[in-house]
Amino acid sequence: MATAYVTGADRGLGLALTEGLLERGYQVYAGSYMSDWPELDRLAETYPKQLVQVPLDVSNGASVTAAADIIASQTPSLDLLINNAGIHNSW
Protein backbone atom coordinates (compact mmCIF):
# COMPACT_ATOMS: atom_id res chain seq x y z
CA MET A 1 0.00 0.00 0.00
CA ALA A 2 1.36 3.44 -0.92
CA THR A 3 1.72 5.96 1.90
CA ALA A 4 1.08 9.70 1.93
CA TYR A 5 1.35 12.53 4.43
CA VAL A 6 -0.98 15.49 3.98
CA THR A 7 -0.40 18.50 6.21
CA GLY A 8 -3.34 20.83 6.79
CA ALA A 9 -5.77 17.96 6.25
CA ASP A 10 -8.55 19.29 8.50
CA ARG A 11 -10.58 21.06 5.82
CA GLY A 12 -10.63 22.54 2.36
CA LEU A 13 -8.04 21.38 -0.15
CA GLY A 14 -6.13 19.26 2.37
CA LEU A 15 -9.28 17.38 3.35
CA ALA A 16 -10.25 16.84 -0.29
CA LEU A 17 -6.77 15.55 -1.14
CA THR A 18 -6.83 13.25 1.88
CA GLU A 19 -10.20 11.82 0.87
CA GLY A 20 -9.07 11.33 -2.73
CA LEU A 21 -5.96 9.46 -1.63
CA LEU A 22 -7.98 7.24 0.69
CA GLU A 23 -10.36 6.43 -2.15
CA ARG A 24 -7.34 5.38 -4.23
CA GLY A 25 -6.14 2.99 -1.54
CA TYR A 26 -3.38 5.04 0.09
CA GLN A 27 -2.42 4.82 3.74
CA VAL A 28 -2.76 8.48 4.71
CA TYR A 29 -1.18 10.32 7.63
CA ALA A 30 -3.30 13.44 8.04
CA GLY A 31 -1.70 16.41 9.77
CA SER A 32 -4.44 17.89 11.92
CA TYR A 33 -4.36 21.31 13.58
CA MET A 34 -8.02 21.67 14.56
CA SER A 35 -8.77 18.75 16.86
CA ASP A 36 -12.43 19.76 17.20
CA TRP A 37 -13.06 19.81 13.43
CA PRO A 38 -15.29 16.77 12.62
CA GLU A 39 -14.52 15.95 8.98
CA LEU A 40 -11.34 13.94 9.60
CA ASP A 41 -13.15 11.93 12.27
CA ARG A 42 -15.80 11.04 9.68
CA LEU A 43 -13.14 9.91 7.23
CA ALA A 44 -11.49 7.87 9.98
CA GLU A 45 -14.77 6.03 10.51
CA THR A 46 -15.01 5.25 6.79
CA TYR A 47 -11.31 4.33 6.42
CA PRO A 48 -10.29 3.07 9.89
CA LYS A 49 -7.25 1.08 8.69
CA GLN A 50 -6.02 3.65 6.17
CA LEU A 51 -6.23 7.01 7.96
CA VAL A 52 -3.99 8.06 10.82
CA GLN A 53 -4.65 11.50 12.28
CA VAL A 54 -1.45 13.20 13.38
CA PRO A 55 -1.61 16.31 15.60
CA LEU A 56 0.37 19.04 13.85
CA ASP A 57 1.00 22.74 14.35
CA VAL A 58 3.49 23.76 11.66
CA SER A 59 4.33 26.94 13.56
CA ASN A 60 5.71 24.87 16.45
CA GLY A 61 8.97 22.98 15.97
CA ALA A 62 8.23 20.49 18.75
CA SER A 63 4.88 19.67 17.15
CA VAL A 64 6.53 19.11 13.76
CA THR A 65 9.12 16.80 15.35
CA ALA A 66 6.43 14.89 17.27
CA ALA A 67 4.40 14.41 14.07
CA ALA A 68 7.48 13.11 12.25
CA ASP A 69 8.17 10.71 15.12
CA ILE A 70 4.60 9.36 14.99
CA ILE A 71 4.84 8.71 11.27
CA ALA A 72 8.35 7.24 11.45
CA SER A 73 7.20 4.82 14.14
CA GLN A 74 4.53 3.43 11.80
CA THR A 75 6.13 3.42 8.35
CA PRO A 76 9.71 3.31 7.06
CA SER A 77 9.01 5.75 4.20
CA LEU A 78 6.46 7.92 2.46
CA ASP A 79 5.57 7.74 -1.20
CA LEU A 80 3.94 11.16 -1.29
CA LEU A 81 4.11 14.36 0.77
CA ILE A 82 1.53 17.10 0.27
CA ASN A 83 2.67 20.11 2.28
CA ASN A 84 -0.65 21.94 2.40
CA ALA A 85 -0.53 23.53 5.88
CA GLY A 86 0.19 27.20 6.20
CA ILE A 87 0.99 29.77 8.83
CA HIS A 88 -0.97 33.00 9.05
CA ASN A 89 0.61 35.97 10.76
CA SER A 90 -1.46 39.08 11.18
CA TRP A 91 1.22 41.70 11.65
PDB file of N, CA and C in Angstrom:
ATOM      1  N   MET A   1       0.849  -1.173   0.000  1.00  0.00           N
ATOM      2  CA  MET A   1       0.000   0.000   0.000  1.00  0.00           C
ATOM      3  C   MET A   1       0.897   1.239   0.000  1.00  0.00           C
ATOM      4  N   ALA A   2       0.619   2.177  -0.875  1.00  0.00           N
ATOM      5  CA  ALA A   2       1.357   3.437  -0.923  1.00  0.00           C
ATOM      6  C   ALA A   2       0.986   4.299   0.280  1.00  0.00           C
ATOM      7  N   THR A   3       1.946   5.106   0.734  1.00  0.00           N
ATOM      8  CA  THR A   3       1.722   5.960   1.897  1.00  0.00           C
ATOM      9  C   THR A   3       1.854   7.432   1.521  1.00  0.00           C
ATOM     10  N   ALA A   4       1.036   8.260   2.164  1.00  0.00           N
ATOM     11  CA  ALA A   4       1.076   9.702   1.931  1.00  0.00           C
ATOM     12  C   ALA A   4       0.931  10.437   3.245  1.00  0.00           C
ATOM     13  N   TYR A   5       1.499  11.629   3.288  1.00  0.00           N
ATOM     14  CA  TYR A   5       1.347  12.527   4.431  1.00  0.00           C
ATOM     15  C   TYR A   5       0.802  13.833   3.886  1.00  0.00           C
ATOM     16  N   VAL A   6      -0.353  14.242   4.395  1.00  0.00           N
ATOM     17  CA  VAL A   6      -0.983  15.492   3.982  1.00  0.00           C
ATOM     18  C   VAL A   6      -1.022  16.403   5.200  1.00  0.00           C
ATOM     19  N   THR A   7      -0.316  17.532   5.136  1.00  0.00           N
ATOM     20  CA  THR A   7      -0.403  18.504   6.214  1.00  0.00           C
ATOM     21  C   THR A   7      -1.591  19.416   5.937  1.00  0.00           C
ATOM     22  N   GLY A   8      -2.165  19.972   6.975  1.00  0.00           N
ATOM     23  CA  GLY A   8      -3.335  20.832   6.792  1.00  0.00           C
ATOM     24  C   GLY A   8      -4.524  20.063   6.241  1.00  0.00           C
ATOM     25  N   ALA A   9      -4.742  18.863   6.778  1.00  0.00           N
ATOM     26  CA  ALA A   9      -5.769  17.956   6.249  1.00  0.00           C
ATOM     27  C   ALA A   9      -7.143  18.149   6.877  1.00  0.00           C
ATOM     28  N   ASP A  10      -7.294  19.108   7.762  1.00  0.00           N
ATOM     29  CA  ASP A  10      -8.552  19.292   8.497  1.00  0.00           C
ATOM     30  C   ASP A  10      -9.737  19.697   7.625  1.00  0.00           C
ATOM     31  N   ARG A  11      -9.472  20.523   6.620  1.00  0.00           N
ATOM     32  CA  ARG A  11     -10.581  21.057   5.823  1.00  0.00           C
ATOM     33  C   ARG A  11     -10.065  21.524   4.470  1.00  0.00           C
ATOM     34  N   GLY A  12     -10.986  21.950   3.644  1.00  0.00           N
ATOM     35  CA  GLY A  12     -10.627  22.536   2.357  1.00  0.00           C
ATOM     36  C   GLY A  12      -9.850  21.595   1.455  1.00  0.00           C
ATOM     37  N   LEU A  13      -8.840  22.145   0.805  1.00  0.00           N
ATOM     38  CA  LEU A  13      -8.040  21.385  -0.148  1.00  0.00           C
ATOM     39  C   LEU A  13      -7.360  20.177   0.506  1.00  0.00           C
ATOM     40  N   GLY A  14      -6.803  20.366   1.688  1.00  0.00           N
ATOM     41  CA  GLY A  14      -6.133  19.256   2.367  1.00  0.00           C
ATOM     42  C   GLY A  14      -7.070  18.105   2.661  1.00  0.00           C
ATOM     43  N   LEU A  15      -8.278  18.422   3.087  1.00  0.00           N
ATOM     44  CA  LEU A  15      -9.280  17.384   3.351  1.00  0.00           C
ATOM     45  C   LEU A  15      -9.662  16.673   2.061  1.00  0.00           C
ATOM     46  N   ALA A  16      -9.872  17.431   0.993  1.00  0.00           N
ATOM     47  CA  ALA A  16     -10.245  16.836  -0.292  1.00  0.00           C
ATOM     48  C   ALA A  16      -9.129  15.936  -0.819  1.00  0.00           C
ATOM     49  N   LEU A  17      -7.887  16.377  -0.701  1.00  0.00           N
ATOM     50  CA  LEU A  17      -6.768  15.546  -1.144  1.00  0.00           C
ATOM     51  C   LEU A  17      -6.662  14.279  -0.305  1.00  0.00           C
ATOM     52  N   THR A  18      -6.858  14.412   0.992  1.00  0.00           N
ATOM     53  CA  THR A  18      -6.833  13.248   1.883  1.00  0.00           C
ATOM     54  C   THR A  18      -7.901  12.241   1.476  1.00  0.00           C
ATOM     55  N   GLU A  19      -9.110  12.717   1.265  1.00  0.00           N
ATOM     56  CA  GLU A  19     -10.197  11.822   0.872  1.00  0.00           C
ATOM     57  C   GLU A  19      -9.914  11.147  -0.470  1.00  0.00           C
ATOM     58  N   GLY A  20      -9.400  11.903  -1.424  1.00  0.00           N
ATOM     59  CA  GLY A  20      -9.073  11.327  -2.729  1.00  0.00           C
ATOM     60  C   GLY A  20      -8.011  10.249  -2.637  1.00  0.00           C
ATOM     61  N   LEU A  21      -7.005  10.470  -1.811  1.00  0.00           N
ATOM     62  CA  LEU A  21      -5.959   9.464  -1.629  1.00  0.00           C
ATOM     63  C   LEU A  21      -6.505   8.211  -0.956  1.00  0.00           C
ATOM     64  N   LEU A  22      -7.350   8.394   0.038  1.00  0.00           N
ATOM     65  CA  LEU A  22      -7.975   7.239   0.695  1.00  0.00           C
ATOM     66  C   LEU A  22      -8.799   6.431  -0.300  1.00  0.00           C
ATOM     67  N   GLU A  23      -9.545   7.115  -1.139  1.00  0.00           N
ATOM     68  CA  GLU A  23     -10.363   6.433  -2.150  1.00  0.00           C
ATOM     69  C   GLU A  23      -9.500   5.632  -3.120  1.00  0.00           C
ATOM     70  N   ARG A  24      -8.265   6.064  -3.318  1.00  0.00           N
ATOM     71  CA  ARG A  24      -7.344   5.384  -4.233  1.00  0.00           C
ATOM     72  C   ARG A  24      -6.509   4.319  -3.525  1.00  0.00           C
ATOM     73  N   GLY A  25      -6.797   4.072  -2.250  1.00  0.00           N
ATOM     74  CA  GLY A  25      -6.142   2.990  -1.536  1.00  0.00           C
ATOM     75  C   GLY A  25      -4.887   3.354  -0.773  1.00  0.00           C
ATOM     76  N   TYR A  26      -4.561   4.629  -0.662  1.00  0.00           N
ATOM     77  CA  TYR A  26      -3.383   5.044   0.087  1.00  0.00           C
ATOM     78  C   TYR A  26      -3.590   4.878   1.592  1.00  0.00           C
ATOM     79  N   GLN A  27      -2.497   4.642   2.294  1.00  0.00           N
ATOM     80  CA  GLN A  27      -2.421   4.816   3.742  1.00  0.00           C
ATOM     81  C   GLN A  27      -2.095   6.289   3.912  1.00  0.00           C
ATOM     82  N   VAL A  28      -2.945   7.040   4.609  1.00  0.00           N
ATOM     83  CA  VAL A  28      -2.756   8.481   4.710  1.00  0.00           C
ATOM     84  C   VAL A  28      -2.524   8.896   6.161  1.00  0.00           C
ATOM     85  N   TYR A  29      -1.454   9.644   6.366  1.00  0.00           N
ATOM     86  CA  TYR A  29      -1.184  10.318   7.630  1.00  0.00           C
ATOM     87  C   TYR A  29      -1.659  11.749   7.432  1.00  0.00           C
ATOM     88  N   ALA A  30      -2.641  12.143   8.219  1.00  0.00           N
ATOM     89  CA  ALA A  30      -3.296  13.435   8.043  1.00  0.00           C
ATOM     90  C   ALA A  30      -2.893  14.391   9.152  1.00  0.00           C
ATOM     91  N   GLY A  31      -2.105  15.390   8.810  1.00  0.00           N
ATOM     92  CA  GLY A  31      -1.703  16.406   9.767  1.00  0.00           C
ATOM     93  C   GLY A  31      -2.899  17.254  10.152  1.00  0.00           C
ATOM     94  N   SER A  32      -3.225  17.256  11.434  1.00  0.00           N
ATOM     95  CA  SER A  32      -4.440  17.894  11.922  1.00  0.00           C
ATOM     96  C   SER A  32      -4.127  18.966  12.954  1.00  0.00           C
ATOM     97  N   TYR A  33      -4.558  20.188  12.676  1.00  0.00           N
ATOM     98  CA  TYR A  33      -4.355  21.307  13.585  1.00  0.00           C
ATOM     99  C   TYR A  33      -5.583  21.572  14.447  1.00  0.00           C
ATOM    100  N   MET A  34      -6.754  21.350  13.877  1.00  0.00           N
ATOM    101  CA  MET A  34      -8.016  21.671  14.559  1.00  0.00           C
ATOM    102  C   MET A  34      -8.652  20.387  15.083  1.00  0.00           C
ATOM    103  N   SER A  35      -8.320  20.029  16.309  1.00  0.00           N
ATOM    104  CA  SER A  35      -8.774  18.751  16.862  1.00  0.00           C
ATOM    105  C   SER A  35     -10.291  18.661  17.009  1.00  0.00           C
ATOM    106  N   ASP A  36     -10.974  19.785  17.047  1.00  0.00           N
ATOM    107  CA  ASP A  36     -12.433  19.757  17.195  1.00  0.00           C
ATOM    108  C   ASP A  36     -13.172  19.823  15.861  1.00  0.00           C
ATOM    109  N   TRP A  37     -12.443  19.770  14.753  1.00  0.00           N
ATOM    110  CA  TRP A  37     -13.059  19.808  13.426  1.00  0.00           C
ATOM    111  C   TRP A  37     -13.502  18.390  13.067  1.00  0.00           C
ATOM    112  N   PRO A  38     -14.755  18.144  12.709  1.00  0.00           N
ATOM    113  CA  PRO A  38     -15.290  16.774  12.622  1.00  0.00           C
ATOM    114  C   PRO A  38     -15.006  16.000  11.336  1.00  0.00           C
ATOM    115  N   GLU A  39     -14.607  16.643  10.256  1.00  0.00           N
ATOM    116  CA  GLU A  39     -14.520  15.949   8.977  1.00  0.00           C
ATOM    117  C   GLU A  39     -13.497  14.809   8.960  1.00  0.00           C
ATOM    118  N   LEU A  40     -12.331  15.020   9.567  1.00  0.00           N
ATOM    119  CA  LEU A  40     -11.342  13.938   9.595  1.00  0.00           C
ATOM    120  C   LEU A  40     -11.834  12.755  10.414  1.00  0.00           C
ATOM    121  N   ASP A  41     -12.577  13.023  11.477  1.00  0.00           N
ATOM    122  CA  ASP A  41     -13.153  11.931  12.268  1.00  0.00           C
ATOM    123  C   ASP A  41     -14.104  11.101  11.413  1.00  0.00           C
ATOM    124  N   ARG A  42     -14.885  11.762  10.578  1.00  0.00           N
ATOM    125  CA  ARG A  42     -15.804  11.037   9.682  1.00  0.00           C
ATOM    126  C   ARG A  42     -15.034  10.169   8.690  1.00  0.00           C
ATOM    127  N   LEU A  43     -13.963  10.714   8.141  1.00  0.00           N
ATOM    128  CA  LEU A  43     -13.144   9.914   7.227  1.00  0.00           C
ATOM    129  C   LEU A  43     -12.506   8.735   7.961  1.00  0.00           C
ATOM    130  N   ALA A  44     -12.094   8.945   9.197  1.00  0.00           N
ATOM    131  CA  ALA A  44     -11.487   7.865   9.979  1.00  0.00           C
ATOM    132  C   ALA A  44     -12.477   6.731  10.220  1.00  0.00           C
ATOM    133  N   GLU A  45     -13.747   7.063  10.357  1.00  0.00           N
ATOM    134  CA  GLU A  45     -14.770   6.033  10.512  1.00  0.00           C
ATOM    135  C   GLU A  45     -14.945   5.239   9.222  1.00  0.00           C
ATOM    136  N   THR A  46     -14.847   5.909   8.094  1.00  0.00           N
ATOM    137  CA  THR A  46     -15.006   5.248   6.791  1.00  0.00           C
ATOM    138  C   THR A  46     -13.762   4.450   6.415  1.00  0.00           C
ATOM    139  N   TYR A  47     -12.588   4.956   6.778  1.00  0.00           N
ATOM    140  CA  TYR A  47     -11.306   4.327   6.421  1.00  0.00           C
ATOM    141  C   TYR A  47     -10.474   4.072   7.684  1.00  0.00           C
ATOM    142  N   PRO A  48     -10.961   3.220   8.589  1.00  0.00           N
ATOM    143  CA  PRO A  48     -10.286   3.066   9.886  1.00  0.00           C
ATOM    144  C   PRO A  48      -8.876   2.484   9.804  1.00  0.00           C
ATOM    145  N   LYS A  49      -8.573   1.697   8.795  1.00  0.00           N
ATOM    146  CA  LYS A  49      -7.253   1.083   8.693  1.00  0.00           C
ATOM    147  C   LYS A  49      -6.314   1.862   7.782  1.00  0.00           C
ATOM    148  N   GLN A  50      -6.833   2.895   7.122  1.00  0.00           N
ATOM    149  CA  GLN A  50      -6.020   3.650   6.173  1.00  0.00           C
ATOM    150  C   GLN A  50      -5.665   5.056   6.647  1.00  0.00           C
ATOM    151  N   LEU A  51      -6.433   5.618   7.564  1.00  0.00           N
ATOM    152  CA  LEU A  51      -6.234   7.006   7.963  1.00  0.00           C
ATOM    153  C   LEU A  51      -5.685   7.097   9.382  1.00  0.00           C
ATOM    154  N   VAL A  52      -4.579   7.795   9.512  1.00  0.00           N
ATOM    155  CA  VAL A  52      -3.987   8.063  10.820  1.00  0.00           C
ATOM    156  C   VAL A  52      -3.956   9.582  10.991  1.00  0.00           C
ATOM    157  N   GLN A  53      -4.665  10.067  11.991  1.00  0.00           N
ATOM    158  CA  GLN A  53      -4.645  11.500  12.277  1.00  0.00           C
ATOM    159  C   GLN A  53      -3.425  11.815  13.132  1.00  0.00           C
ATOM    160  N   VAL A  54      -2.684  12.820  12.712  1.00  0.00           N
ATOM    161  CA  VAL A  54      -1.447  13.201  13.376  1.00  0.00           C
ATOM    162  C   VAL A  54      -1.570  14.656  13.826  1.00  0.00           C
ATOM    163  N   PRO A  55      -1.559  14.919  15.138  1.00  0.00           N
ATOM    164  CA  PRO A  55      -1.610  16.309  15.602  1.00  0.00           C
ATOM    165  C   PRO A  55      -0.417  17.082  15.027  1.00  0.00           C
ATOM    166  N   LEU A  56      -0.695  18.276  14.490  1.00  0.00           N
ATOM    167  CA  LEU A  56       0.369  19.039  13.846  1.00  0.00           C
ATOM    168  C   LEU A  56       0.071  20.531  13.869  1.00  0.00           C
ATOM    169  N   ASP A  57       1.009  21.274  14.407  1.00  0.00           N
ATOM    170  CA  ASP A  57       0.997  22.738  14.347  1.00  0.00           C
ATOM    171  C   ASP A  57       2.307  23.124  13.679  1.00  0.00           C
ATOM    172  N   VAL A  58       2.251  23.494  12.404  1.00  0.00           N
ATOM    173  CA  VAL A  58       3.485  23.758  11.658  1.00  0.00           C
ATOM    174  C   VAL A  58       4.243  24.987  12.148  1.00  0.00           C
ATOM    175  N   SER A  59       3.637  25.788  13.005  1.00  0.00           N
ATOM    176  CA  SER A  59       4.330  26.943  13.563  1.00  0.00           C
ATOM    177  C   SER A  59       5.109  26.594  14.834  1.00  0.00           C
ATOM    178  N   ASN A  60       5.076  25.315  15.216  1.00  0.00           N
ATOM    179  CA  ASN A  60       5.706  24.868  16.452  1.00  0.00           C
ATOM    180  C   ASN A  60       6.676  23.724  16.134  1.00  0.00           C
ATOM    181  N   GLY A  61       7.956  23.983  16.304  1.00  0.00           N
ATOM    182  CA  GLY A  61       8.968  22.976  15.971  1.00  0.00           C
ATOM    183  C   GLY A  61       8.797  21.659  16.707  1.00  0.00           C
ATOM    184  N   ALA A  62       8.430  21.727  17.978  1.00  0.00           N
ATOM    185  CA  ALA A  62       8.234  20.493  18.751  1.00  0.00           C
ATOM    186  C   ALA A  62       7.069  19.685  18.187  1.00  0.00           C
ATOM    187  N   SER A  63       6.025  20.360  17.740  1.00  0.00           N
ATOM    188  CA  SER A  63       4.879  19.672  17.150  1.00  0.00           C
ATOM    189  C   SER A  63       5.270  18.994  15.829  1.00  0.00           C
ATOM    190  N   VAL A  64       6.073  19.673  15.034  1.00  0.00           N
ATOM    191  CA  VAL A  64       6.532  19.105  13.756  1.00  0.00           C
ATOM    192  C   VAL A  64       7.380  17.868  14.025  1.00  0.00           C
ATOM    193  N   THR A  65       8.278  17.951  14.996  1.00  0.00           N
ATOM    194  CA  THR A  65       9.116  16.804  15.350  1.00  0.00           C
ATOM    195  C   THR A  65       8.275  15.647  15.877  1.00  0.00           C
ATOM    196  N   ALA A  66       7.307  15.937  16.730  1.00  0.00           N
ATOM    197  CA  ALA A  66       6.433  14.889  17.273  1.00  0.00           C
ATOM    198  C   ALA A  66       5.643  14.213  16.156  1.00  0.00           C
ATOM    199  N   ALA A  67       5.149  14.987  15.202  1.00  0.00           N
ATOM    200  CA  ALA A  67       4.402  14.406  14.072  1.00  0.00           C
ATOM    201  C   ALA A  67       5.313  13.496  13.254  1.00  0.00           C
ATOM    202  N   ALA A  68       6.530  13.938  12.994  1.00  0.00           N
ATOM    203  CA  ALA A  68       7.484  13.114  12.247  1.00  0.00           C
ATOM    204  C   ALA A  68       7.785  11.820  12.997  1.00  0.00           C
ATOM    205  N   ASP A  69       7.906  11.909  14.308  1.00  0.00           N
ATOM    206  CA  ASP A  69       8.173  10.712  15.115  1.00  0.00           C
ATOM    207  C   ASP A  69       7.014   9.720  15.047  1.00  0.00           C
ATOM    208  N   ILE A  70       5.784  10.227  15.088  1.00  0.00           N
ATOM    209  CA  ILE A  70       4.603   9.357  14.992  1.00  0.00           C
ATOM    210  C   ILE A  70       4.618   8.605  13.664  1.00  0.00           C
ATOM    211  N   ILE A  71       4.848   9.337  12.597  1.00  0.00           N
ATOM    212  CA  ILE A  71       4.836   8.715  11.270  1.00  0.00           C
ATOM    213  C   ILE A  71       5.990   7.723  11.132  1.00  0.00           C
ATOM    214  N   ALA A  72       7.181   8.120  11.560  1.00  0.00           N
ATOM    215  CA  ALA A  72       8.351   7.242  11.449  1.00  0.00           C
ATOM    216  C   ALA A  72       8.183   5.963  12.257  1.00  0.00           C
ATOM    217  N   SER A  73       7.409   6.018  13.332  1.00  0.00           N
ATOM    218  CA  SER A  73       7.203   4.819  14.142  1.00  0.00           C
ATOM    219  C   SER A  73       6.251   3.828  13.465  1.00  0.00           C
ATOM    220  N   GLN A  74       5.531   4.287  12.433  1.00  0.00           N
ATOM    221  CA  GLN A  74       4.531   3.434  11.795  1.00  0.00           C
ATOM    222  C   GLN A  74       4.859   3.034  10.359  1.00  0.00           C
ATOM    223  N   THR A  75       5.776   3.755   9.723  1.00  0.00           N
ATOM    224  CA  THR A  75       6.131   3.417   8.346  1.00  0.00           C
ATOM    225  C   THR A  75       7.588   3.799   8.088  1.00  0.00           C
ATOM    226  N   PRO A  76       8.301   2.998   7.313  1.00  0.00           N
ATOM    227  CA  PRO A  76       9.710   3.314   7.055  1.00  0.00           C
ATOM    228  C   PRO A  76       9.908   4.430   6.030  1.00  0.00           C
ATOM    229  N   SER A  77       8.866   4.715   5.235  1.00  0.00           N
ATOM    230  CA  SER A  77       9.012   5.748   4.203  1.00  0.00           C
ATOM    231  C   SER A  77       7.640   6.243   3.746  1.00  0.00           C
ATOM    232  N   LEU A  78       7.673   7.368   3.079  1.00  0.00           N
ATOM    233  CA  LEU A  78       6.462   7.924   2.463  1.00  0.00           C
ATOM    234  C   LEU A  78       6.637   7.909   0.951  1.00  0.00           C
ATOM    235  N   ASP A  79       5.551   7.666   0.252  1.00  0.00           N
ATOM    236  CA  ASP A  79       5.568   7.739  -1.201  1.00  0.00           C
ATOM    237  C   ASP A  79       5.185   9.127  -1.703  1.00  0.00           C
ATOM    238  N   LEU A  80       4.454   9.862  -0.866  1.00  0.00           N
ATOM    239  CA  LEU A  80       3.941  11.159  -1.285  1.00  0.00           C
ATOM    240  C   LEU A  80       3.826  12.080  -0.081  1.00  0.00           C
ATOM    241  N   LEU A  81       4.273  13.319  -0.243  1.00  0.00           N
ATOM    242  CA  LEU A  81       4.107  14.359   0.774  1.00  0.00           C
ATOM    243  C   LEU A  81       3.370  15.526   0.123  1.00  0.00           C
ATOM    244  N   ILE A  82       2.256  15.909   0.719  1.00  0.00           N
ATOM    245  CA  ILE A  82       1.532  17.099   0.275  1.00  0.00           C
ATOM    246  C   ILE A  82       1.603  18.095   1.422  1.00  0.00           C
ATOM    247  N   ASN A  83       2.441  19.111   1.241  1.00  0.00           N
ATOM    248  CA  ASN A  83       2.671  20.106   2.279  1.00  0.00           C
ATOM    249  C   ASN A  83       1.670  21.235   2.093  1.00  0.00           C
ATOM    250  N   ASN A  84       0.481  21.043   2.605  1.00  0.00           N
ATOM    251  CA  ASN A  84      -0.655  21.944   2.398  1.00  0.00           C
ATOM    252  C   ASN A  84      -0.851  22.946   3.541  1.00  0.00           C
ATOM    253  N   ALA A  85      -0.312  22.659   4.706  1.00  0.00           N
ATOM    254  CA  ALA A  85      -0.528  23.529   5.877  1.00  0.00           C
ATOM    255  C   ALA A  85       0.168  24.865   5.691  1.00  0.00           C
ATOM    256  N   GLY A  86      -0.401  25.868   6.277  1.00  0.00           N
ATOM    257  CA  GLY A  86       0.186  27.196   6.199  1.00  0.00           C
ATOM    258  C   GLY A  86       0.214  27.862   7.555  1.00  0.00           C
ATOM    259  N   ILE A  87       0.915  28.963   7.614  1.00  0.00           N
ATOM    260  CA  ILE A  87       0.988  29.766   8.828  1.00  0.00           C
ATOM    261  C   ILE A  87       0.481  31.159   8.471  1.00  0.00           C
ATOM    262  N   HIS A  88      -0.427  31.660   9.282  1.00  0.00           N
ATOM    263  CA  HIS A  88      -0.967  32.997   9.055  1.00  0.00           C
ATOM    264  C   HIS A  88      -0.500  33.916  10.165  1.00  0.00           C
ATOM    265  N   ASN A  89       0.195  34.948   9.799  1.00  0.00           N
ATOM    266  CA  ASN A  89       0.609  35.973  10.761  1.00  0.00           C
ATOM    267  C   ASN A  89      -0.135  37.252  10.430  1.00  0.00           C
ATOM    268  N   SER A  90      -0.798  37.811  11.400  1.00  0.00           N
ATOM    269  CA  SER A  90      -1.464  39.084  11.177  1.00  0.00           C
ATOM    270  C   SER A  90      -0.657  40.185  11.852  1.00  0.00           C
ATOM    271  N   TRP A  91       0.303  40.708  11.114  1.00  0.00           N
ATOM    272  CA  TRP A  91       1.219  41.704  11.649  1.00  0.00           C
ATOM    273  C   TRP A  91       0.660  43.066  11.461  1.00  0.00           C
TER     274      TRP A  91
END
